[in-house]
Amino acid sequence: GSVLTIDRIGGHVKYPSGQKVLYRIFGMNMPQIGSRYLFFLTSKHTKQDLSILTGYELTQDGAAPLDEELPQVRSLTGVSEKDILQRVLNLVRNSSN
C-alpha cells in the first residue's frame, strides 16, 4: 500500500515549441504501466534517490529482462516468478551471513 518513486535514465522532453522527443539509452527499456516487475535498485544522494540498475518483467511465460544488452540478466529469461523470487531470497539470505 505504500508508494516508492524510482528513476530511470530517459524519457520524453517537451520543448517550448511543443515538440516532444524521446531520449533513452539503447537496450535499457522503460517499465510499462500495469506490468509487474522485480527491480534491482541503487541509491544515491544519501539514499534519498533510487534508480533502476536492472529489472525483470514478471509474466505468465516467466521473467523477461528489462535490459537487452546485459548478458548476465539473460540467464533468468523464462524462469517462473516463484523460482526467480526464491533465487533472490536465497541470495539475500546468503549475503547477510
PDB file of N, CA and C in Angstrom:
ATOM      1  N   GLY A   1       0.780  -1.202   0.000  1.00  0.00           N
ATOM      2  CA  GLY A   1       0.000   0.000   0.000  1.00  0.00           C
ATOM      3  C   GLY A   1       0.822   1.267   0.000  1.00  0.00           C
ATOM      4  N   SER A   2       2.153   1.156   0.035  1.00  0.00           N
ATOM      5  CA  SER A   2       2.957   2.378   0.022  1.00  0.00           C
ATOM      6  C   SER A   2       3.465   2.667  -1.390  1.00  0.00           C
ATOM      7  N   VAL A   3       3.910   3.896  -1.600  1.00  0.00           N
ATOM      8  CA  VAL A   3       4.398   4.327  -2.907  1.00  0.00           C
ATOM      9  C   VAL A   3       5.905   4.518  -2.833  1.00  0.00           C
ATOM     10  N   LEU A   4       6.600   4.020  -3.846  1.00  0.00           N
ATOM     11  CA  LEU A   4       8.045   4.153  -3.956  1.00  0.00           C
ATOM     12  C   LEU A   4       8.335   4.774  -5.309  1.00  0.00           C
ATOM     13  N   THR A   5       9.084   5.868  -5.315  1.00  0.00           N
ATOM     14  CA  THR A   5       9.432   6.541  -6.559  1.00  0.00           C
ATOM     15  C   THR A   5      10.844   6.161  -6.948  1.00  0.00           C
ATOM     16  N   ILE A   6      11.017   5.672  -8.184  1.00  0.00           N
ATOM     17  CA  ILE A   6      12.337   5.291  -8.678  1.00  0.00           C
ATOM     18  C   ILE A   6      12.579   5.958 -10.018  1.00  0.00           C
ATOM     19  N   ASP A   7      13.848   6.190 -10.327  1.00  0.00           N
ATOM     20  CA  ASP A   7      14.231   6.863 -11.564  1.00  0.00           C
ATOM     21  C   ASP A   7      14.797   5.875 -12.569  1.00  0.00           C
ATOM     22  N   ARG A   8      14.706   6.266 -13.834  1.00  0.00           N
ATOM     23  CA  ARG A   8      15.321   5.518 -14.932  1.00  0.00           C
ATOM     24  C   ARG A   8      15.781   6.552 -15.955  1.00  0.00           C
ATOM     25  N   ILE A   9      16.999   6.415 -16.422  1.00  0.00           N
ATOM     26  CA  ILE A   9      17.517   7.354 -17.410  1.00  0.00           C
ATOM     27  C   ILE A   9      16.656   7.278 -18.664  1.00  0.00           C
ATOM     28  N   GLY A  10      16.262   8.439 -19.142  1.00  0.00           N
ATOM     29  CA  GLY A  10      15.480   8.507 -20.367  1.00  0.00           C
ATOM     30  C   GLY A  10      14.098   9.062 -20.115  1.00  0.00           C
ATOM     31  N   GLY A  11      13.376   9.271 -21.190  1.00  0.00           N
ATOM     32  CA  GLY A  11      12.020   9.775 -21.104  1.00  0.00           C
ATOM     33  C   GLY A  11      11.761  10.822 -22.165  1.00  0.00           C
ATOM     34  N   HIS A  12      10.591  11.386 -22.115  1.00  0.00           N
ATOM     35  CA  HIS A  12      10.202  12.419 -23.083  1.00  0.00           C
ATOM     36  C   HIS A  12      10.598  13.794 -22.567  1.00  0.00           C
ATOM     37  N   VAL A  13      11.115  14.601 -23.464  1.00  0.00           N
ATOM     38  CA  VAL A  13      11.395  16.012 -23.181  1.00  0.00           C
ATOM     39  C   VAL A  13      10.461  16.827 -24.055  1.00  0.00           C
ATOM     40  N   LYS A  14       9.729  17.737 -23.426  1.00  0.00           N
ATOM     41  CA  LYS A  14       8.821  18.603 -24.179  1.00  0.00           C
ATOM     42  C   LYS A  14       9.449  19.987 -24.269  1.00  0.00           C
ATOM     43  N   TYR A  15       9.681  20.419 -25.487  1.00  0.00           N
ATOM     44  CA  TYR A  15      10.306  21.713 -25.739  1.00  0.00           C
ATOM     45  C   TYR A  15       9.253  22.812 -25.790  1.00  0.00           C
ATOM     46  N   PRO A  16       9.681  24.088 -25.580  1.00  0.00           N
ATOM     47  CA  PRO A  16       8.724  25.211 -25.619  1.00  0.00           C
ATOM     48  C   PRO A  16       7.894  25.254 -26.904  1.00  0.00           C
ATOM     49  N   SER A  17       8.438  24.740 -27.994  1.00  0.00           N
ATOM     50  CA  SER A  17       7.696  24.721 -29.264  1.00  0.00           C
ATOM     51  C   SER A  17       6.550  23.714 -29.249  1.00  0.00           C
ATOM     52  N   GLY A  18       6.543  22.850 -28.225  1.00  0.00           N
ATOM     53  CA  GLY A  18       5.530  21.802 -28.148  1.00  0.00           C
ATOM     54  C   GLY A  18       6.030  20.455 -28.643  1.00  0.00           C
ATOM     55  N   GLN A  19       7.174  20.448 -29.302  1.00  0.00           N
ATOM     56  CA  GLN A  19       7.755  19.199 -29.795  1.00  0.00           C
ATOM     57  C   GLN A  19       8.162  18.309 -28.617  1.00  0.00           C
ATOM     58  N   LYS A  20       7.839  17.018 -28.711  1.00  0.00           N
ATOM     59  CA  LYS A  20       8.242  16.045 -27.702  1.00  0.00           C
ATOM     60  C   LYS A  20       9.239  15.077 -28.329  1.00  0.00           C
ATOM     61  N   VAL A  21      10.365  14.862 -27.638  1.00  0.00           N
ATOM     62  CA  VAL A  21      11.401  13.960 -28.131  1.00  0.00           C
ATOM     63  C   VAL A  21      11.685  12.924 -27.052  1.00  0.00           C
ATOM     64  N   LEU A  22      11.746  11.648 -27.468  1.00  0.00           N
ATOM     65  CA  LEU A  22      12.072  10.567 -26.546  1.00  0.00           C
ATOM     66  C   LEU A  22      13.572  10.369 -26.505  1.00  0.00           C
ATOM     67  N   TYR A  23      14.140  10.412 -25.305  1.00  0.00           N
ATOM     68  CA  TYR A  23      15.554  10.137 -25.089  1.00  0.00           C
ATOM     69  C   TYR A  23      15.664   8.862 -24.271  1.00  0.00           C
ATOM     70  N   ARG A  24      16.531   7.972 -24.724  1.00  0.00           N
ATOM     71  CA  ARG A  24      16.763   6.733 -23.977  1.00  0.00           C
ATOM     72  C   ARG A  24      18.110   6.158 -24.361  1.00  0.00           C
ATOM     73  N   ILE A  25      18.591   5.240 -23.564  1.00  0.00           N
ATOM     74  CA  ILE A  25      19.836   4.546 -23.847  1.00  0.00           C
ATOM     75  C   ILE A  25      19.474   3.214 -24.491  1.00  0.00           C
ATOM     76  N   PHE A  26      20.103   2.910 -25.623  1.00  0.00           N
ATOM     77  CA  PHE A  26      19.814   1.681 -26.356  1.00  0.00           C
ATOM     78  C   PHE A  26      19.925   0.467 -25.432  1.00  0.00           C
ATOM     79  N   GLY A  27      18.907  -0.385 -25.464  1.00  0.00           N
ATOM     80  CA  GLY A  27      18.911  -1.614 -24.692  1.00  0.00           C
ATOM     81  C   GLY A  27      18.398  -1.475 -23.274  1.00  0.00           C
ATOM     82  N   MET A  28      18.238  -0.249 -22.793  1.00  0.00           N
ATOM     83  CA  MET A  28      17.707  -0.017 -21.448  1.00  0.00           C
ATOM     84  C   MET A  28      16.244   0.385 -21.590  1.00  0.00           C
ATOM     85  N   ASN A  29      15.373  -0.581 -21.470  1.00  0.00           N
ATOM     86  CA  ASN A  29      13.952  -0.343 -21.704  1.00  0.00           C
ATOM     87  C   ASN A  29      13.262   0.233 -20.481  1.00  0.00           C
ATOM     88  N   MET A  30      12.160   0.892 -20.742  1.00  0.00           N
ATOM     89  CA  MET A  30      11.358   1.501 -19.681  1.00  0.00           C
ATOM     90  C   MET A  30      10.296   0.511 -19.213  1.00  0.00           C
ATOM     91  N   PRO A  31      10.062   0.459 -17.914  1.00  0.00           N
ATOM     92  CA  PRO A  31       8.944  -0.353 -17.428  1.00  0.00           C
ATOM     93  C   PRO A  31       7.622   0.242 -17.919  1.00  0.00           C
ATOM     94  N   GLN A  32       6.642  -0.616 -18.084  1.00  0.00           N
ATOM     95  CA  GLN A  32       5.339  -0.192 -18.603  1.00  0.00           C
ATOM     96  C   GLN A  32       4.311  -0.181 -17.478  1.00  0.00           C
ATOM     97  N   ILE A  33       3.452   0.804 -17.500  1.00  0.00           N
ATOM     98  CA  ILE A  33       2.377   0.900 -16.510  1.00  0.00           C
ATOM     99  C   ILE A  33       1.482  -0.327 -16.643  1.00  0.00           C
ATOM    100  N   GLY A  34       1.134  -0.917 -15.512  1.00  0.00           N
ATOM    101  CA  GLY A  34       0.234  -2.059 -15.495  1.00  0.00           C
ATOM    102  C   GLY A  34       0.936  -3.407 -15.506  1.00  0.00           C
ATOM    103  N   SER A  35       2.241  -3.416 -15.762  1.00  0.00           N
ATOM    104  CA  SER A  35       3.004  -4.664 -15.730  1.00  0.00           C
ATOM    105  C   SER A  35       3.622  -4.855 -14.347  1.00  0.00           C
ATOM    106  N   ARG A  36       4.037  -6.069 -14.059  1.00  0.00           N
ATOM    107  CA  ARG A  36       4.657  -6.398 -12.770  1.00  0.00           C
ATOM    108  C   ARG A  36       6.142  -6.634 -12.983  1.00  0.00           C
ATOM    109  N   TYR A  37       6.962  -6.115 -12.054  1.00  0.00           N
ATOM    110  CA  TYR A  37       8.414  -6.179 -12.203  1.00  0.00           C
ATOM    111  C   TYR A  37       9.100  -6.561 -10.911  1.00  0.00           C
ATOM    112  N   LEU A  38      10.263  -7.140 -11.068  1.00  0.00           N
ATOM    113  CA  LEU A  38      11.230  -7.303  -9.985  1.00  0.00           C
ATOM    114  C   LEU A  38      12.375  -6.369 -10.351  1.00  0.00           C
ATOM    115  N   PHE A  39      12.580  -5.318  -9.554  1.00  0.00           N
ATOM    116  CA  PHE A  39      13.619  -4.337  -9.827  1.00  0.00           C
ATOM    117  C   PHE A  39      14.811  -4.543  -8.910  1.00  0.00           C
ATOM    118  N   PHE A  40      15.988  -4.270  -9.447  1.00  0.00           N
ATOM    119  CA  PHE A  40      17.208  -4.176  -8.652  1.00  0.00           C
ATOM    120  C   PHE A  40      17.583  -2.701  -8.671  1.00  0.00           C
ATOM    121  N   LEU A  41      17.649  -2.105  -7.484  1.00  0.00           N
ATOM    122  CA  LEU A  41      17.793  -0.658  -7.361  1.00  0.00           C
ATOM    123  C   LEU A  41      19.133  -0.275  -6.753  1.00  0.00           C
ATOM    124  N   THR A  42      19.510   0.969  -6.965  1.00  0.00           N
ATOM    125  CA  THR A  42      20.673   1.555  -6.322  1.00  0.00           C
ATOM    126  C   THR A  42      20.230   2.889  -5.736  1.00  0.00           C
ATOM    127  N   SER A  43      20.942   3.331  -4.719  1.00  0.00           N
ATOM    128  CA  SER A  43      20.577   4.612  -4.100  1.00  0.00           C
ATOM    129  C   SER A  43      21.709   5.611  -4.252  1.00  0.00           C
ATOM    130  N   LYS A  44      21.328   6.879  -4.337  1.00  0.00           N
ATOM    131  CA  LYS A  44      22.283   7.970  -4.483  1.00  0.00           C
ATOM    132  C   LYS A  44      21.865   9.093  -3.545  1.00  0.00           C
ATOM    133  N   HIS A  45      22.757  10.049  -3.356  1.00  0.00           N
ATOM    134  CA  HIS A  45      22.453  11.240  -2.566  1.00  0.00           C
ATOM    135  C   HIS A  45      21.902  10.879  -1.186  1.00  0.00           C
ATOM    136  N   THR A  46      22.727  10.278  -0.384  1.00  0.00           N
ATOM    137  CA  THR A  46      22.364   9.858   0.988  1.00  0.00           C
ATOM    138  C   THR A  46      21.112   8.979   1.003  1.00  0.00           C
ATOM    139  N   LYS A  47      21.030   8.117   0.011  1.00  0.00           N
ATOM    140  CA  LYS A  47      19.965   7.115  -0.100  1.00  0.00           C
ATOM    141  C   LYS A  47      18.572   7.711  -0.270  1.00  0.00           C
ATOM    142  N   GLN A  48      18.491   8.962  -0.741  1.00  0.00           N
ATOM    143  CA  GLN A  48      17.198   9.603  -0.968  1.00  0.00           C
ATOM    144  C   GLN A  48      16.647   9.283  -2.352  1.00  0.00           C
ATOM    145  N   ASP A  49      17.533   9.120  -3.337  1.00  0.00           N
ATOM    146  CA  ASP A  49      17.112   8.887  -4.721  1.00  0.00           C
ATOM    147  C   ASP A  49      17.386   7.440  -5.106  1.00  0.00           C
ATOM    148  N   LEU A  50      16.368   6.751  -5.583  1.00  0.00           N
ATOM    149  CA  LEU A  50      16.508   5.363  -6.025  1.00  0.00           C
ATOM    150  C   LEU A  50      16.443   5.309  -7.543  1.00  0.00           C
ATOM    151  N   SER A  51      17.337   4.510  -8.136  1.00  0.00           N
ATOM    152  CA  SER A  51      17.375   4.322  -9.585  1.00  0.00           C
ATOM    153  C   SER A  51      17.379   2.839  -9.902  1.00  0.00           C
ATOM    154  N   ILE A  52      16.849   2.490 -11.072  1.00  0.00           N
ATOM    155  CA  ILE A  52      16.816   1.104 -11.519  1.00  0.00           C
ATOM    156  C   ILE A  52      18.182   0.724 -12.079  1.00  0.00           C
ATOM    157  N   LEU A  53      18.807  -0.315 -11.497  1.00  0.00           N
ATOM    158  CA  LEU A  53      20.005  -0.900 -12.103  1.00  0.00           C
ATOM    159  C   LEU A  53      19.585  -1.787 -13.257  1.00  0.00           C
ATOM    160  N   THR A  54      18.644  -2.663 -12.983  1.00  0.00           N
ATOM    161  CA  THR A  54      18.037  -3.530 -13.990  1.00  0.00           C
ATOM    162  C   THR A  54      16.775  -4.113 -13.386  1.00  0.00           C
ATOM    163  N   GLY A  55      16.066  -4.897 -14.159  1.00  0.00           N
ATOM    164  CA  GLY A  55      14.839  -5.490 -13.653  1.00  0.00           C
ATOM    165  C   GLY A  55      14.312  -6.554 -14.593  1.00  0.00           C
ATOM    166  N   TYR A  56      13.272  -7.204 -14.146  1.00  0.00           N
ATOM    167  CA  TYR A  56      12.612  -8.253 -14.920  1.00  0.00           C
ATOM    168  C   TYR A  56      11.116  -8.014 -14.886  1.00  0.00           C
ATOM    169  N   GLU A  57      10.488  -8.096 -16.037  1.00  0.00           N
ATOM    170  CA  GLU A  57       9.035  -8.107 -16.069  1.00  0.00           C
ATOM    171  C   GLU A  57       8.599  -9.519 -15.710  1.00  0.00           C
ATOM    172  N   LEU A  58       7.656  -9.625 -14.803  1.00  0.00           N
ATOM    173  CA  LEU A  58       7.156 -10.930 -14.368  1.00  0.00           C
ATOM    174  C   LEU A  58       5.891 -11.234 -15.160  1.00  0.00           C
ATOM    175  N   THR A  59       6.006 -12.194 -16.085  1.00  0.00           N
ATOM    176  CA  THR A  59       4.902 -12.535 -16.980  1.00  0.00           C
ATOM    177  C   THR A  59       4.467 -13.973 -16.745  1.00  0.00           C
ATOM    178  N   GLN A  60       3.370 -14.368 -17.365  1.00  0.00           N
ATOM    179  CA  GLN A  60       2.896 -15.754 -17.265  1.00  0.00           C
ATOM    180  C   GLN A  60       3.880 -16.723 -17.897  1.00  0.00           C
ATOM    181  N   ASP A  61       4.674 -16.235 -18.857  1.00  0.00           N
ATOM    182  CA  ASP A  61       5.660 -17.080 -19.534  1.00  0.00           C
ATOM    183  C   ASP A  61       7.008 -17.087 -18.815  1.00  0.00           C
ATOM    184  N   GLY A  62       7.087 -16.387 -17.689  1.00  0.00           N
ATOM    185  CA  GLY A  62       8.327 -16.315 -16.928  1.00  0.00           C
ATOM    186  C   GLY A  62       8.922 -14.919 -16.989  1.00  0.00           C
ATOM    187  N   ALA A  63      10.096 -14.783 -16.404  1.00  0.00           N
ATOM    188  CA  ALA A  63      10.767 -13.489 -16.318  1.00  0.00           C
ATOM    189  C   ALA A  63      11.261 -13.038 -17.690  1.00  0.00           C
ATOM    190  N   ALA A  64      11.130 -11.742 -17.948  1.00  0.00           N
ATOM    191  CA  ALA A  64      11.636 -11.137 -19.186  1.00  0.00           C
ATOM    192  C   ALA A  64      12.519  -9.957 -18.793  1.00  0.00           C
ATOM    193  N   PRO A  65      13.815  -9.982 -19.167  1.00  0.00           N
ATOM    194  CA  PRO A  65      14.715  -8.898 -18.766  1.00  0.00           C
ATOM    195  C   PRO A  65      14.262  -7.549 -19.305  1.00  0.00           C
ATOM    196  N   LEU A  66      14.373  -6.533 -18.467  1.00  0.00           N
ATOM    197  CA  LEU A  66      14.067  -5.166 -18.884  1.00  0.00           C
ATOM    198  C   LEU A  66      15.163  -4.637 -19.801  1.00  0.00           C
ATOM    199  N   ASP A  67      16.396  -5.062 -19.548  1.00  0.00           N
ATOM    200  CA  ASP A  67      17.543  -4.575 -20.310  1.00  0.00           C
ATOM    201  C   ASP A  67      18.053  -5.661 -21.248  1.00  0.00           C
ATOM    202  N   GLU A  68      18.197  -5.304 -22.510  1.00  0.00           N
ATOM    203  CA  GLU A  68      18.563  -6.263 -23.546  1.00  0.00           C
ATOM    204  C   GLU A  68      20.058  -6.510 -23.646  1.00  0.00           C
ATOM    205  N   GLU A  69      20.865  -5.550 -23.271  1.00  0.00           N
ATOM    206  CA  GLU A  69      22.298  -5.611 -23.550  1.00  0.00           C
ATOM    207  C   GLU A  69      23.145  -6.160 -22.412  1.00  0.00           C
ATOM    208  N   LEU A  70      22.533  -6.602 -21.335  1.00  0.00           N
ATOM    209  CA  LEU A  70      23.295  -7.135 -20.205  1.00  0.00           C
ATOM    210  C   LEU A  70      23.276  -8.659 -20.254  1.00  0.00           C
ATOM    211  N   PRO A  71      24.389  -9.296 -20.624  1.00  0.00           N
ATOM    212  CA  PRO A  71      24.383 -10.756 -20.756  1.00  0.00           C
ATOM    213  C   PRO A  71      24.055 -11.474 -19.448  1.00  0.00           C
ATOM    214  N   GLN A  72      24.416 -10.886 -18.308  1.00  0.00           N
ATOM    215  CA  GLN A  72      24.181 -11.558 -17.039  1.00  0.00           C
ATOM    216  C   GLN A  72      22.695 -11.660 -16.689  1.00  0.00           C
ATOM    217  N   VAL A  73      21.837 -10.847 -17.298  1.00  0.00           N
ATOM    218  CA  VAL A  73      20.413 -10.927 -16.977  1.00  0.00           C
ATOM    219  C   VAL A  73      19.677 -11.946 -17.838  1.00  0.00           C
ATOM    220  N   ARG A  74      20.267 -12.355 -18.919  1.00  0.00           N
ATOM    221  CA  ARG A  74      19.599 -13.303 -19.825  1.00  0.00           C
ATOM    222  C   ARG A  74      19.415 -14.682 -19.200  1.00  0.00           C
ATOM    223  N   SER A  75      20.244 -15.023 -18.212  1.00  0.00           N
ATOM    224  CA  SER A  75      20.165 -16.359 -17.616  1.00  0.00           C
ATOM    225  C   SER A  75      18.842 -16.596 -16.890  1.00  0.00           C
ATOM    226  N   LEU A  76      18.106 -15.553 -16.575  1.00  0.00           N
ATOM    227  CA  LEU A  76      16.835 -15.711 -15.878  1.00  0.00           C
ATOM    228  C   LEU A  76      15.629 -15.604 -16.814  1.00  0.00           C
ATOM    229  N   THR A  77      15.871 -15.432 -18.097  1.00  0.00           N
ATOM    230  CA  THR A  77      14.778 -15.335 -19.062  1.00  0.00           C
ATOM    231  C   THR A  77      13.941 -16.607 -19.019  1.00  0.00           C
ATOM    232  N   GLY A  78      12.631 -16.432 -18.832  1.00  0.00           N
ATOM    233  CA  GLY A  78      11.713 -17.565 -18.814  1.00  0.00           C
ATOM    234  C   GLY A  78      11.589 -18.268 -17.477  1.00  0.00           C
ATOM    235  N   VAL A  79      12.401 -17.902 -16.494  1.00  0.00           N
ATOM    236  CA  VAL A  79      12.296 -18.504 -15.160  1.00  0.00           C
ATOM    237  C   VAL A  79      10.986 -18.035 -14.537  1.00  0.00           C
ATOM    238  N   SER A  80      10.269 -18.933 -13.869  1.00  0.00           N
ATOM    239  CA  SER A  80       8.973 -18.576 -13.291  1.00  0.00           C
ATOM    240  C   SER A  80       9.136 -17.551 -12.180  1.00  0.00           C
ATOM    241  N   GLU A  81       8.059 -16.810 -11.937  1.00  0.00           N
ATOM    242  CA  GLU A  81       8.075 -15.796 -10.875  1.00  0.00           C
ATOM    243  C   GLU A  81       8.440 -16.427  -9.534  1.00  0.00           C
ATOM    244  N   LYS A  82       7.850 -17.564  -9.238  1.00  0.00           N
ATOM    245  CA  LYS A  82       8.124 -18.247  -7.972  1.00  0.00           C
ATOM    246  C   LYS A  82       9.611 -18.583  -7.855  1.00  0.00           C
ATOM    247  N   ASP A  83      10.195 -19.136  -8.918  1.00  0.00           N
ATOM    248  CA  ASP A  83      11.605 -19.536  -8.881  1.00  0.00           C
ATOM    249  C   ASP A  83      12.552 -18.344  -8.812  1.00  0.00           C
ATOM    250  N   ILE A  84      12.259 -17.279  -9.568  1.00  0.00           N
ATOM    251  CA  ILE A  84      13.150 -16.129  -9.552  1.00  0.00           C
ATOM    252  C   ILE A  84      13.117 -15.442  -8.178  1.00  0.00           C
ATOM    253  N   LEU A  85      11.936 -15.350  -7.582  1.00  0.00           N
ATOM    254  CA  LEU A  85      11.844 -14.739  -6.252  1.00  0.00           C
ATOM    255  C   LEU A  85      12.539 -15.601  -5.204  1.00  0.00           C
ATOM    256  N   GLN A  86      12.474 -16.917  -5.348  1.00  0.00           N
ATOM    257  CA  GLN A  86      13.184 -17.808  -4.420  1.00  0.00           C
ATOM    258  C   GLN A  86      14.692 -17.641  -4.565  1.00  0.00           C
ATOM    259  N   ARG A  87      15.184 -17.499  -5.784  1.00  0.00           N
ATOM    260  CA  ARG A  87      16.618 -17.274  -6.006  1.00  0.00           C
ATOM    261  C   ARG A  87      17.090 -15.979  -5.361  1.00  0.00           C
ATOM    262  N   VAL A  88      16.288 -14.929  -5.511  1.00  0.00           N
ATOM    263  CA  VAL A  88      16.649 -13.644  -4.910  1.00  0.00           C
ATOM    264  C   VAL A  88      16.641 -13.756  -3.387  1.00  0.00           C
ATOM    265  N   LEU A  89      15.630 -14.398  -2.843  1.00  0.00           N
ATOM    266  CA  LEU A  89      15.557 -14.588  -1.389  1.00  0.00           C
ATOM    267  C   LEU A  89      16.775 -15.351  -0.887  1.00  0.00           C
ATOM    268  N   ASN A  90      17.182 -16.396  -1.592  1.00  0.00           N
ATOM    269  CA  ASN A  90      18.366 -17.164  -1.200  1.00  0.00           C
ATOM    270  C   ASN A  90      19.628 -16.310  -1.255  1.00  0.00           C
ATOM    271  N   LEU A  91      19.766 -15.482  -2.293  1.00  0.00           N
ATOM    272  CA  LEU A  91      20.918 -14.596  -2.404  1.00  0.00           C
ATOM    273  C   LEU A  91      20.970 -13.595  -1.252  1.00  0.00           C
ATOM    274  N   VAL A  92      19.821 -13.037  -0.908  1.00  0.00           N
ATOM    275  CA  VAL A  92      19.754 -12.075   0.210  1.00  0.00           C
ATOM    276  C   VAL A  92      20.117 -12.761   1.513  1.00  0.00           C
ATOM    277  N   ARG A  93      19.598 -13.942   1.739  1.00  0.00           N
ATOM    278  CA  ARG A  93      19.911 -14.685   2.968  1.00  0.00           C
ATOM    279  C   ARG A  93      21.400 -14.990   3.043  1.00  0.00           C
ATOM    280  N   ASN A  94      22.003 -15.440   1.926  1.00  0.00           N
ATOM    281  CA  ASN A  94      23.426 -15.791   1.911  1.00  0.00           C
ATOM    282  C   ASN A  94      24.318 -14.577   2.041  1.00  0.00           C
ATOM    283  N   SER A  95      23.886 -13.420   1.550  1.00  0.00           N
ATOM    284  CA  SER A  95      24.724 -12.223   1.631  1.00  0.00           C
ATOM    285  C   SER A  95      24.738 -11.638   3.031  1.00  0.00           C
ATOM    286  N   SER A  96      23.752 -11.974   3.841  1.00  0.00           N
ATOM    287  CA  SER A  96      23.706 -11.427   5.212  1.00  0.00           C
ATOM    288  C   SER A  96      24.505 -12.279   6.184  1.00  0.00           C
ATOM    289  N   ASN A  97      25.032 -13.396   5.736  1.00  0.00           N
ATOM    290  CA  ASN A  97      25.821 -14.284   6.619  1.00  0.00           C
ATOM    291  C   ASN A  97      27.258 -13.869   6.693  1.00  0.00           C
TER     292      ASN A  97
END
